[in-house]
Amino acid sequence: MFGIGQSLRRKPRQFSYNPRYYDAEKEARNQRRIELGHAPIEDESKERKPGDLLRARSEQRLQMAEREKAARRNSSKMKLLFVVLLIVGFYLLLKSIAF
């Protein structure tokens, strides 16, 4: 009556999923590699996730900061070495003049 019995016996709607980026040749290559005993090739372009670019930039900034810190440390050591050599030079110069 009025389709009530029909709705109770109806199957749920099916979802037909067609892969958007399916590459049959790549699947065949990976299957062949598995058959030969090798590891399958992962996606060459590596799927990006949200925030990957920001993380990469952040890591680059941290690496740059580490390099700058190391450069400053080396610069400070060179300045200290120059001052010590200058003091030793003046000491030797004054010692040679005194005698």
PDB file of N, CA and C in Angstrom:
ATOM      1  N   MET A   1       0.811  -1.176   0.000  1.00  0.00           N
ATOM      2  CA  MET A   1       0.000   0.000   0.000  1.00  0.00           C
ATOM      3  C   MET A   1       0.858   1.244   0.000  1.00  0.00           C
ATOM      4  N   PHE A   2       0.666   2.040  -0.919  1.00  0.00           N
ATOM      5  CA  PHE A   2       1.362   3.309  -1.061  1.00  0.00           C
ATOM      6  C   PHE A   2       2.882   3.162  -1.005  1.00  0.00           C
ATOM      7  N   GLY A   3       3.413   2.005  -1.328  1.00  0.00           N
ATOM      8  CA  GLY A   3       4.851   1.808  -1.406  1.00  0.00           C
ATOM      9  C   GLY A   3       5.526   1.547  -0.076  1.00  0.00           C
ATOM     10  N   ILE A   4       4.792   1.332   0.995  1.00  0.00           N
ATOM     11  CA  ILE A   4       5.393   1.095   2.300  1.00  0.00           C
ATOM     12  C   ILE A   4       6.114  -0.237   2.314  1.00  0.00           C
ATOM     13  N   GLY A   5       5.518  -1.264   1.770  1.00  0.00           N
ATOM     14  CA  GLY A   5       6.145  -2.575   1.723  1.00  0.00           C
ATOM     15  C   GLY A   5       7.373  -2.575   0.827  1.00  0.00           C
ATOM     16  N   GLN A   6       7.351  -1.773  -0.210  1.00  0.00           N
ATOM     17  CA  GLN A   6       8.487  -1.684  -1.121  1.00  0.00           C
ATOM     18  C   GLN A   6       9.705  -1.093  -0.417  1.00  0.00           C
ATOM     19  N   SER A   7       9.515  -0.099   0.412  1.00  0.00           N
ATOM     20  CA  SER A   7      10.647   0.559   1.077  1.00  0.00           C
ATOM     21  C   SER A   7      11.302  -0.349   2.104  1.00  0.00           C
ATOM     22  N   LEU A   8      10.559  -1.279   2.676  1.00  0.00           N
ATOM     23  CA  LEU A   8      11.142  -2.178   3.662  1.00  0.00           C
ATOM     24  C   LEU A   8      11.997  -3.262   3.007  1.00  0.00           C
ATOM     25  N   ARG A   9      11.666  -3.643   1.787  1.00  0.00           N
ATOM     26  CA  ARG A   9      12.403  -4.702   1.106  1.00  0.00           C
ATOM     27  C   ARG A   9      13.504  -4.166   0.194  1.00  0.00           C
ATOM     28  N   ARG A  10      13.619  -2.887   0.055  1.00  0.00           N
ATOM     29  CA  ARG A  10      14.592  -2.297  -0.851  1.00  0.00           C
ATOM     30  C   ARG A  10      16.005  -2.418  -0.279  1.00  0.00           C
ATOM     31  N   LYS A  11      16.965  -2.676  -1.155  1.00  0.00           N
ATOM     32  CA  LYS A  11      18.364  -2.737  -0.740  1.00  0.00           C
ATOM     33  C   LYS A  11      18.891  -1.322  -0.560  1.00  0.00           C
ATOM     34  N   PRO A  12      19.883  -1.151   0.315  1.00  0.00           N
ATOM     35  CA  PRO A  12      20.461   0.186   0.455  1.00  0.00           C
ATOM     36  C   PRO A  12      21.179   0.587  -0.834  1.00  0.00           C
ATOM     37  N   ARG A  13      21.276   1.855  -1.053  1.00  0.00           N
ATOM     38  CA  ARG A  13      21.933   2.352  -2.259  1.00  0.00           C
ATOM     39  C   ARG A  13      23.411   1.998  -2.231  1.00  0.00           C
ATOM     40  N   GLN A  14      23.902   1.635  -3.362  1.00  0.00           N
ATOM     41  CA  GLN A  14      25.307   1.257  -3.482  1.00  0.00           C
ATOM     42  C   GLN A  14      26.119   2.477  -3.896  1.00  0.00           C
ATOM     43  N   PHE A  15      27.325   2.535  -3.393  1.00  0.00           N
ATOM     44  CA  PHE A  15      28.225   3.631  -3.752  1.00  0.00           C
ATOM     45  C   PHE A  15      29.218   3.098  -4.764  1.00  0.00           C
ATOM     46  N   SER A  16      29.194   3.644  -5.949  1.00  0.00           N
ATOM     47  CA  SER A  16      30.135   3.187  -6.978  1.00  0.00           C
ATOM     48  C   SER A  16      31.344   4.124  -6.963  1.00  0.00           C
ATOM     49  N   TYR A  17      32.457   3.598  -6.533  1.00  0.00           N
ATOM     50  CA  TYR A  17      33.685   4.390  -6.417  1.00  0.00           C
ATOM     51  C   TYR A  17      34.598   4.070  -7.578  1.00  0.00           C
ATOM     52  N   ASN A  18      34.927   5.061  -8.354  1.00  0.00           N
ATOM     53  CA  ASN A  18      35.902   4.920  -9.426  1.00  0.00           C
ATOM     54  C   ASN A  18      37.160   5.656  -9.004  1.00  0.00           C
ATOM     55  N   PRO A  19      38.277   4.948  -8.831  1.00  0.00           N
ATOM     56  CA  PRO A  19      39.501   5.636  -8.398  1.00  0.00           C
ATOM     57  C   PRO A  19      39.853   6.766  -9.351  1.00  0.00           C
ATOM     58  N   ARG A  20      40.187   7.886  -8.783  1.00  0.00           N
ATOM     59  CA  ARG A  20      40.442   9.068  -9.601  1.00  0.00           C
ATOM     60  C   ARG A  20      41.820   9.030 -10.254  1.00  0.00           C
ATOM     61  N   TYR A  21      42.801   8.530  -9.547  1.00  0.00           N
ATOM     62  CA  TYR A  21      44.172   8.543 -10.051  1.00  0.00           C
ATOM     63  C   TYR A  21      44.707   7.121 -10.228  1.00  0.00           C
ATOM     64  N   TYR A  22      43.919   6.232 -10.736  1.00  0.00           N
ATOM     65  CA  TYR A  22      44.330   4.852 -10.915  1.00  0.00           C
ATOM     66  C   TYR A  22      45.201   4.730 -12.163  1.00  0.00           C
ATOM     67  N   ASP A  23      46.357   4.110 -11.991  1.00  0.00           N
ATOM     68  CA  ASP A  23      47.286   3.912 -13.106  1.00  0.00           C
ATOM     69  C   ASP A  23      47.479   2.404 -13.282  1.00  0.00           C
ATOM     70  N   ALA A  24      46.834   1.860 -14.302  1.00  0.00           N
ATOM     71  CA  ALA A  24      46.877   0.407 -14.529  1.00  0.00           C
ATOM     72  C   ALA A  24      48.305  -0.067 -14.829  1.00  0.00           C
ATOM     73  N   GLU A  25      49.074   0.725 -15.564  1.00  0.00           N
ATOM     74  CA  GLU A  25      50.455   0.335 -15.890  1.00  0.00           C
ATOM     75  C   GLU A  25      51.306   0.259 -14.630  1.00  0.00           C
ATOM     76  N   LYS A  26      51.139   1.213 -13.736  1.00  0.00           N
ATOM     77  CA  LYS A  26      51.909   1.210 -12.496  1.00  0.00           C
ATOM     78  C   LYS A  26      51.536   0.000 -11.636  1.00  0.00           C
ATOM     79  N   GLU A  27      50.252  -0.305 -11.580  1.00  0.00           N
ATOM     80  CA  GLU A  27      49.822  -1.480 -10.825  1.00  0.00           C
ATOM     81  C   GLU A  27      50.425  -2.749 -11.403  1.00  0.00           C
ATOM     82  N   ALA A  28      50.473  -2.836 -12.716  1.00  0.00           N
ATOM     83  CA  ALA A  28      51.065  -4.013 -13.359  1.00  0.00           C
ATOM     84  C   ALA A  28      52.561  -4.097 -13.052  1.00  0.00           C
ATOM     85  N   ARG A  29      53.267  -2.954 -13.087  1.00  0.00           N
ATOM     86  CA  ARG A  29      54.699  -2.944 -12.762  1.00  0.00           C
ATOM     87  C   ARG A  29      54.936  -3.379 -11.316  1.00  0.00           C
ATOM     88  N   ASN A  30      54.120  -2.838 -10.410  1.00  0.00           N
ATOM     89  CA  ASN A  30      54.274  -3.214  -9.003  1.00  0.00           C
ATOM     90  C   ASN A  30      53.977  -4.693  -8.787  1.00  0.00           C
ATOM     91  N   GLN A  31      52.956  -5.203  -9.465  1.00  0.00           N
ATOM     92  CA  GLN A  31      52.634  -6.620  -9.339  1.00  0.00           C
ATOM     93  C   GLN A  31      53.786  -7.471  -9.847  1.00  0.00           C
ATOM     94  N   ARG A  32      54.382  -7.061 -10.954  1.00  0.00           N
ATOM     95  CA  ARG A  32      55.514  -7.795 -11.524  1.00  0.00           C
ATOM     96  C   ARG A  32      56.708  -7.757 -10.572  1.00  0.00           C
ATOM     97  N   ARG A  33      56.943  -6.600  -9.941  1.00  0.00           N
ATOM     98  CA  ARG A  33      58.055  -6.494  -8.982  1.00  0.00           C
ATOM     99  C   ARG A  33      57.821  -7.417  -7.788  1.00  0.00           C
ATOM    100  N   ILE A  34      56.587  -7.482  -7.321  1.00  0.00           N
ATOM    101  CA  ILE A  34      56.268  -8.376  -6.206  1.00  0.00           C
ATOM    102  C   ILE A  34      56.508  -9.816  -6.606  1.00  0.00           C
ATOM    103  N   GLU A  35      56.106 -10.179  -7.836  1.00  0.00           N
ATOM    104  CA  GLU A  35      56.325 -11.546  -8.324  1.00  0.00           C
ATOM    105  C   GLU A  35      57.813 -11.878  -8.396  1.00  0.00           C
ATOM    106  N   LEU A  36      58.643 -10.886  -8.740  1.00  0.00           N
ATOM    107  CA  LEU A  36      60.085 -11.109  -8.839  1.00  0.00           C
ATOM    108  C   LEU A  36      60.772 -11.060  -7.475  1.00  0.00           C
ATOM    109  N   GLY A  37      60.024 -10.704  -6.435  1.00  0.00           N
ATOM    110  CA  GLY A  37      60.595 -10.687  -5.093  1.00  0.00           C
ATOM    111  C   GLY A  37      61.174  -9.347  -4.688  1.00  0.00           C
ATOM    112  N   HIS A  38      60.857  -8.286  -5.410  1.00  0.00           N
ATOM    113  CA  HIS A  38      61.331  -6.940  -5.073  1.00  0.00           C
ATOM    114  C   HIS A  38      60.217  -6.180  -4.360  1.00  0.00           C
ATOM    115  N   ALA A  39      60.603  -5.110  -3.715  1.00  0.00           N
ATOM    116  CA  ALA A  39      59.607  -4.264  -3.053  1.00  0.00           C
ATOM    117  C   ALA A  39      58.881  -3.435  -4.102  1.00  0.00           C
ATOM    118  N   PRO A  40      57.593  -3.215  -3.930  1.00  0.00           N
ATOM    119  CA  PRO A  40      56.862  -2.398  -4.904  1.00  0.00           C
ATOM    120  C   PRO A  40      57.327  -0.948  -4.858  1.00  0.00           C
ATOM    121  N   ILE A  41      57.255  -0.272  -5.972  1.00  0.00           N
ATOM    122  CA  ILE A  41      57.653   1.131  -6.066  1.00  0.00           C
ATOM    123  C   ILE A  41      56.554   1.977  -5.445  1.00  0.00           C
ATOM    124  N   GLU A  42      56.936   2.839  -4.536  1.00  0.00           N
ATOM    125  CA  GLU A  42      55.969   3.741  -3.924  1.00  0.00           C
ATOM    126  C   GLU A  42      55.675   4.865  -4.904  1.00  0.00           C
ATOM    127  N   ASP A  43      54.696   5.650  -4.572  1.00  0.00           N
ATOM    128  CA  ASP A  43      54.302   6.766  -5.430  1.00  0.00           C
ATOM    129  C   ASP A  43      55.468   7.728  -5.574  1.00  0.00           C
ATOM    130  N   GLU A  44      55.881   7.994  -6.797  1.00  0.00           N
ATOM    131  CA  GLU A  44      57.053   8.838  -7.036  1.00  0.00           C
ATOM    132  C   GLU A  44      56.809  10.272  -6.596  1.00  0.00           C
ATOM    133  N   SER A  45      55.604  10.751  -6.772  1.00  0.00           N
ATOM    134  CA  SER A  45      55.342  12.153  -6.471  1.00  0.00           C
ATOM    135  C   SER A  45      54.938  12.382  -5.016  1.00  0.00           C
ATOM    136  N   LYS A  46      54.861  11.347  -4.217  1.00  0.00           N
ATOM    137  CA  LYS A  46      54.496  11.425  -2.800  1.00  0.00           C
ATOM    138  C   LYS A  46      53.331  12.388  -2.578  1.00  0.00           C
ATOM    139  N   GLU A  47      52.224  11.830  -2.251  1.00  0.00           N
ATOM    140  CA  GLU A  47      51.022  12.626  -2.062  1.00  0.00           C
ATOM    141  C   GLU A  47      51.239  13.632  -0.934  1.00  0.00           C
ATOM    142  N   ARG A  48      50.889  14.861  -1.189  1.00  0.00           N
ATOM    143  CA  ARG A  48      51.059  15.916  -0.196  1.00  0.00           C
ATOM    144  C   ARG A  48      49.915  15.889   0.800  1.00  0.00           C
ATOM    145  N   LYS A  49      50.247  16.269   2.014  1.00  0.00           N
ATOM    146  CA  LYS A  49      49.245  16.361   3.074  1.00  0.00           C
ATOM    147  C   LYS A  49      49.155  17.825   3.482  1.00  0.00           C
ATOM    148  N   PRO A  50      48.042  18.217   4.066  1.00  0.00           N
ATOM    149  CA  PRO A  50      47.937  19.602   4.514  1.00  0.00           C
ATOM    150  C   PRO A  50      49.042  19.939   5.516  1.00  0.00           C
ATOM    151  N   GLY A  51      49.707  21.057   5.292  1.00  0.00           N
ATOM    152  CA  GLY A  51      50.747  21.508   6.201  1.00  0.00           C
ATOM    153  C   GLY A  51      52.141  21.065   5.826  1.00  0.00           C
ATOM    154  N   ASP A  52      52.303  20.252   4.766  1.00  0.00           N
ATOM    155  CA  ASP A  52      53.635  19.790   4.365  1.00  0.00           C
ATOM    156  C   ASP A  52      54.544  20.952   3.990  1.00  0.00           C
ATOM    157  N   LEU A  53      54.009  21.904   3.249  1.00  0.00           N
ATOM    158  CA  LEU A  53      54.813  23.043   2.811  1.00  0.00           C
ATOM    159  C   LEU A  53      55.253  23.885   4.011  1.00  0.00           C
ATOM    160  N   LEU A  54      54.340  24.075   4.955  1.00  0.00           N
ATOM    161  CA  LEU A  54      54.688  24.855   6.149  1.00  0.00           C
ATOM    162  C   LEU A  54      55.754  24.144   6.973  1.00  0.00           C
ATOM    163  N   ARG A  55      55.623  22.815   7.106  1.00  0.00           N
ATOM    164  CA  ARG A  55      56.632  22.053   7.852  1.00  0.00           C
ATOM    165  C   ARG A  55      57.982  22.124   7.159  1.00  0.00           C
ATOM    166  N   ALA A  56      57.988  22.041   5.835  1.00  0.00           N
ATOM    167  CA  ALA A  56      59.245  22.107   5.089  1.00  0.00           C
ATOM    168  C   ALA A  56      59.906  23.468   5.288  1.00  0.00           C
ATOM    169  N   ARG A  57      59.118  24.531   5.210  1.00  0.00           N
ATOM    170  CA  ARG A  57      59.673  25.874   5.420  1.00  0.00           C
ATOM    171  C   ARG A  57      60.205  26.031   6.842  1.00  0.00           C
ATOM    172  N   SER A  58      59.478  25.499   7.805  1.00  0.00           N
ATOM    173  CA  SER A  58      59.914  25.576   9.192  1.00  0.00           C
ATOM    174  C   SER A  58      61.238  24.838   9.388  1.00  0.00           C
ATOM    175  N   GLU A  59      61.350  23.661   8.794  1.00  0.00           N
ATOM    176  CA  GLU A  59      62.600  22.906   8.889  1.00  0.00           C
ATOM    177  C   GLU A  59      63.753  23.653   8.230  1.00  0.00           C
ATOM    178  N   GLN A  60      63.473  24.302   7.092  1.00  0.00           N
ATOM    179  CA  GLN A  60      64.514  25.081   6.423  1.00  0.00           C
ATOM    180  C   GLN A  60      64.969  26.239   7.302  1.00  0.00           C
ATOM    181  N   ARG A  61      63.999  26.903   7.972  1.00  0.00           N
ATOM    182  CA  ARG A  61      64.363  27.999   8.877  1.00  0.00           C
ATOM    183  C   ARG A  61      65.227  27.510  10.027  1.00  0.00           C
ATOM    184  N   LEU A  62      64.887  26.355  10.580  1.00  0.00           N
ATOM    185  CA  LEU A  62      65.681  25.799  11.676  1.00  0.00           C
ATOM    186  C   LEU A  62      67.092  25.445  11.214  1.00  0.00           C
ATOM    187  N   GLN A  63      67.208  24.867  10.019  1.00  0.00           N
ATOM    188  CA  GLN A  63      68.527  24.532   9.488  1.00  0.00           C
ATOM    189  C   GLN A  63      69.342  25.793   9.243  1.00  0.00           C
ATOM    190  N   MET A  64      68.704  26.830   8.713  1.00  0.00           N
ATOM    191  CA  MET A  64      69.392  28.097   8.471  1.00  0.00           C
ATOM    192  C   MET A  64      69.864  28.698   9.791  1.00  0.00           C
ATOM    193  N   ALA A  65      69.024  28.634  10.814  1.00  0.00           N
ATOM    194  CA  ALA A  65      69.403  29.176  12.124  1.00  0.00           C
ATOM    195  C   ALA A  65      70.589  28.409  12.693  1.00  0.00           C
ATOM    196  N   GLU A  66      70.599  27.090  12.531  1.00  0.00           N
ATOM    197  CA  GLU A  66      71.732  26.290  13.013  1.00  0.00           C
ATOM    198  C   GLU A  66      73.021  26.673  12.289  1.00  0.00           C
ATOM    199  N   ARG A  67      72.914  26.854  10.962  1.00  0.00           N
ATOM    200  CA  ARG A  67      74.111  27.250  10.193  1.00  0.00           C
ATOM    201  C   ARG A  67      74.618  28.616  10.634  1.00  0.00           C
ATOM    202  N   GLU A  68      73.706  29.569  10.842  1.00  0.00           N
ATOM    203  CA  GLU A  68      74.106  30.904  11.277  1.00  0.00           C
ATOM    204  C   GLU A  68      74.726  30.855  12.670  1.00  0.00           C
ATOM    205  N   LYS A  69      74.158  30.030  13.536  1.00  0.00           N
ATOM    206  CA  LYS A  69      74.697  29.891  14.886  1.00  0.00           C
ATOM    207  C   LYS A  69      76.115  29.331  14.835  1.00  0.00           C
ATOM    208  N   ALA A  70      76.337  28.335  14.003  1.00  0.00           N
ATOM    209  CA  ALA A  70      77.672  27.748  13.852  1.00  0.00           C
ATOM    210  C   ALA A  70      78.643  28.783  13.275  1.00  0.00           C
ATOM    211  N   ALA A  71      78.174  29.585  12.319  1.00  0.00           N
ATOM    212  CA  ALA A  71      79.031  30.608  11.721  1.00  0.00           C
ATOM    213  C   ALA A  71      79.413  31.660  12.761  1.00  0.00           C
ATOM    214  N   ARG A  72      78.446  32.069  13.596  1.00  0.00           N
ATOM    215  CA  ARG A  72      78.745  33.047  14.653  1.00  0.00           C
ATOM    216  C   ARG A  72      79.734  32.474  15.655  1.00  0.00           C
ATOM    217  N   ARG A  73      79.560  31.196  15.985  1.00  0.00           N
ATOM    218  CA  ARG A  73      80.470  30.544  16.928  1.00  0.00           C
ATOM    219  C   ARG A  73      81.886  30.528  16.357  1.00  0.00           C
ATOM    220  N   ASN A  74      82.009  30.180  15.084  1.00  0.00           N
ATOM    221  CA  ASN A  74      83.320  30.162  14.443  1.00  0.00           C
ATOM    222  C   ASN A  74      83.906  31.562  14.373  1.00  0.00           C
ATOM    223  N   SER A  75      83.064  32.551  14.096  1.00  0.00           N
ATOM    224  CA  SER A  75      83.529  33.934  14.027  1.00  0.00           C
ATOM    225  C   SER A  75      84.042  34.388  15.393  1.00  0.00           C
ATOM    226  N   SER A  76      83.339  34.026  16.436  1.00  0.00           N
ATOM    227  CA  SER A  76      83.769  34.399  17.791  1.00  0.00           C
ATOM    228  C   SER A  76      85.099  33.741  18.135  1.00  0.00           C
ATOM    229  N   LYS A  77      85.260  32.497  17.750  1.00  0.00           N
ATOM    230  CA  LYS A  77      86.525  31.809  18.005  1.00  0.00           C
ATOM    231  C   LYS A  77      87.667  32.475  17.256  1.00  0.00           C
ATOM    232  N   MET A  78      87.430  32.885  16.022  1.00  0.00           N
ATOM    233  CA  MET A  78      88.475  33.545  15.234  1.00  0.00           C
ATOM    234  C   MET A  78      88.843  34.887  15.863  1.00  0.00           C
ATOM    235  N   LYS A  79      87.857  35.641  16.327  1.00  0.00           N
ATOM    236  CA  LYS A  79      88.135  36.920  16.980  1.00  0.00           C
ATOM    237  C   LYS A  79      88.957  36.713  18.251  1.00  0.00           C
ATOM    238  N   LEU A  80      88.577  35.714  19.044  1.00  0.00           N
ATOM    239  CA  LEU A  80      89.308  35.417  20.268  1.00  0.00           C
ATOM    240  C   LEU A  80      90.744  35.014  19.954  1.00  0.00           C
ATOM    241  N   LEU A  81      90.931  34.183  18.949  1.00  0.00           N
ATOM    242  CA  LEU A  81      92.274  33.762  18.536  1.00  0.00           C
ATOM    243  C   LEU A  81      93.093  34.966  18.080  1.00  0.00           C
ATOM    244  N   PHE A  82      92.478  35.877  17.335  1.00  0.00           N
ATOM    245  CA  PHE A  82      93.174  37.078  16.873  1.00  0.00           C
ATOM    246  C   PHE A  82      93.613  37.940  18.053  1.00  0.00           C
ATOM    247  N   VAL A  83      92.730  38.105  19.043  1.00  0.00           N
ATOM    248  CA  VAL A  83      93.076  38.924  20.217  1.00  0.00           C
ATOM    249  C   VAL A  83      94.214  38.276  20.995  1.00  0.00           C
ATOM    250  N   VAL A  84      94.160  36.951  21.176  1.00  0.00           N
ATOM    251  CA  VAL A  84      95.221  36.254  21.906  1.00  0.00           C
ATOM    252  C   VAL A  84      96.546  36.391  21.167  1.00  0.00           C
ATOM    253  N   LEU A  85      96.544  36.216  19.854  1.00  0.00           N
ATOM    254  CA  LEU A  85      97.780  36.369  19.073  1.00  0.00           C
ATOM    255  C   LEU A  85      98.292  37.799  19.119  1.00  0.00           C
ATOM    256  N   LEU A  86      97.390  38.755  19.119  1.00  0.00           N
ATOM    257  CA  LEU A  86      97.786  40.156  19.205  1.00  0.00           C
ATOM    258  C   LEU A  86      98.454  40.440  20.553  1.00  0.00           C
ATOM    259  N   ILE A  87      97.883  39.922  21.619  1.00  0.00           N
ATOM    260  CA  ILE A  87      98.471  40.109  22.953  1.00  0.00           C
ATOM    261  C   ILE A  87      99.838  39.439  23.041  1.00  0.00           C
ATOM    262  N   VAL A  88      99.928  38.210  22.525  1.00  0.00           N
ATOM    263  CA  VAL A  88     101.221  37.502  22.545  1.00  0.00           C
ATOM    264  C   VAL A  88     102.248  38.268  21.717  1.00  0.00           C
ATOM    265  N   GLY A  89     101.826  38.794  20.574  1.00  0.00           N
ATOM    266  CA  GLY A  89     102.739  39.578  19.722  1.00  0.00           C
ATOM    267  C   GLY A  89     103.246  40.826  20.434  1.00  0.00           C
ATOM    268  N   PHE A  90     102.350  41.568  21.089  1.00  0.00           N
ATOM    269  CA  PHE A  90     102.772  42.755  21.836  1.00  0.00           C
ATOM    270  C   PHE A  90     103.696  42.381  22.988  1.00  0.00           C
ATOM    271  N   TYR A  91     103.387  41.271  23.654  1.00  0.00           N
ATOM    272  CA  TYR A  91     104.234  40.826  24.754  1.00  0.00           C
ATOM    273  C   TYR A  91     105.648  40.518  24.255  1.00  0.00           C
ATOM    274  N   LEU A  92     105.736  39.786  23.135  1.00  0.00           N
ATOM    275  CA  LEU A  92     107.066  39.464  22.577  1.00  0.00           C
ATOM    276  C   LEU A  92     107.779  40.723  22.087  1.00  0.00           C
ATOM    277  N   LEU A  93     107.029  41.659  21.512  1.00  0.00           N
ATOM    278  CA  LEU A  93     107.618  42.906  21.034  1.00  0.00           C
ATOM    279  C   LEU A  93     108.168  43.730  22.199  1.00  0.00           C
ATOM    280  N   LEU A  94     107.376  43.859  23.268  1.00  0.00           N
ATOM    281  CA  LEU A  94     107.840  44.603  24.442  1.00  0.00           C
ATOM    282  C   LEU A  94     109.004  43.900  25.133  1.00  0.00           C
ATOM    283  N   LYS A  95     108.982  42.573  25.153  1.00  0.00           N
ATOM    284  CA  LYS A  95     110.060  41.831  25.784  1.00  0.00           C
ATOM    285  C   LYS A  95     111.362  42.023  25.010  1.00  0.00           C
ATOM    286  N   SER A  96     111.295  42.052  23.665  1.00  0.00           N
ATOM    287  CA  SER A  96     112.504  42.230  22.870  1.00  0.00           C
ATOM    288  C   SER A  96     113.028  43.662  22.960  1.00  0.00           C
ATOM    289  N   ILE A  97     112.149  44.639  23.131  1.00  0.00           N
ATOM    290  CA  ILE A  97     112.566  46.035  23.271  1.00  0.00           C
ATOM    291  C   ILE A  97     113.193  46.259  24.651  1.00  0.00           C
ATOM    292  N   ALA A  98     112.707  45.590  25.667  1.00  0.00           N
ATOM    293  CA  ALA A  98     113.216  45.783  27.029  1.00  0.00           C
ATOM    294  C   ALA A  98     114.650  45.308  27.165  1.00  0.00           C
ATOM    295  N   PHE A  99     115.089  44.343  26.400  1.00  0.00           N
ATOM    296  CA  PHE A  99     116.455  43.855  26.529  1.00  0.00           C
ATOM    297  C   PHE A  99     117.345  44.506  25.595  1.00  0.00           C
TER     298      PHE A  99
END
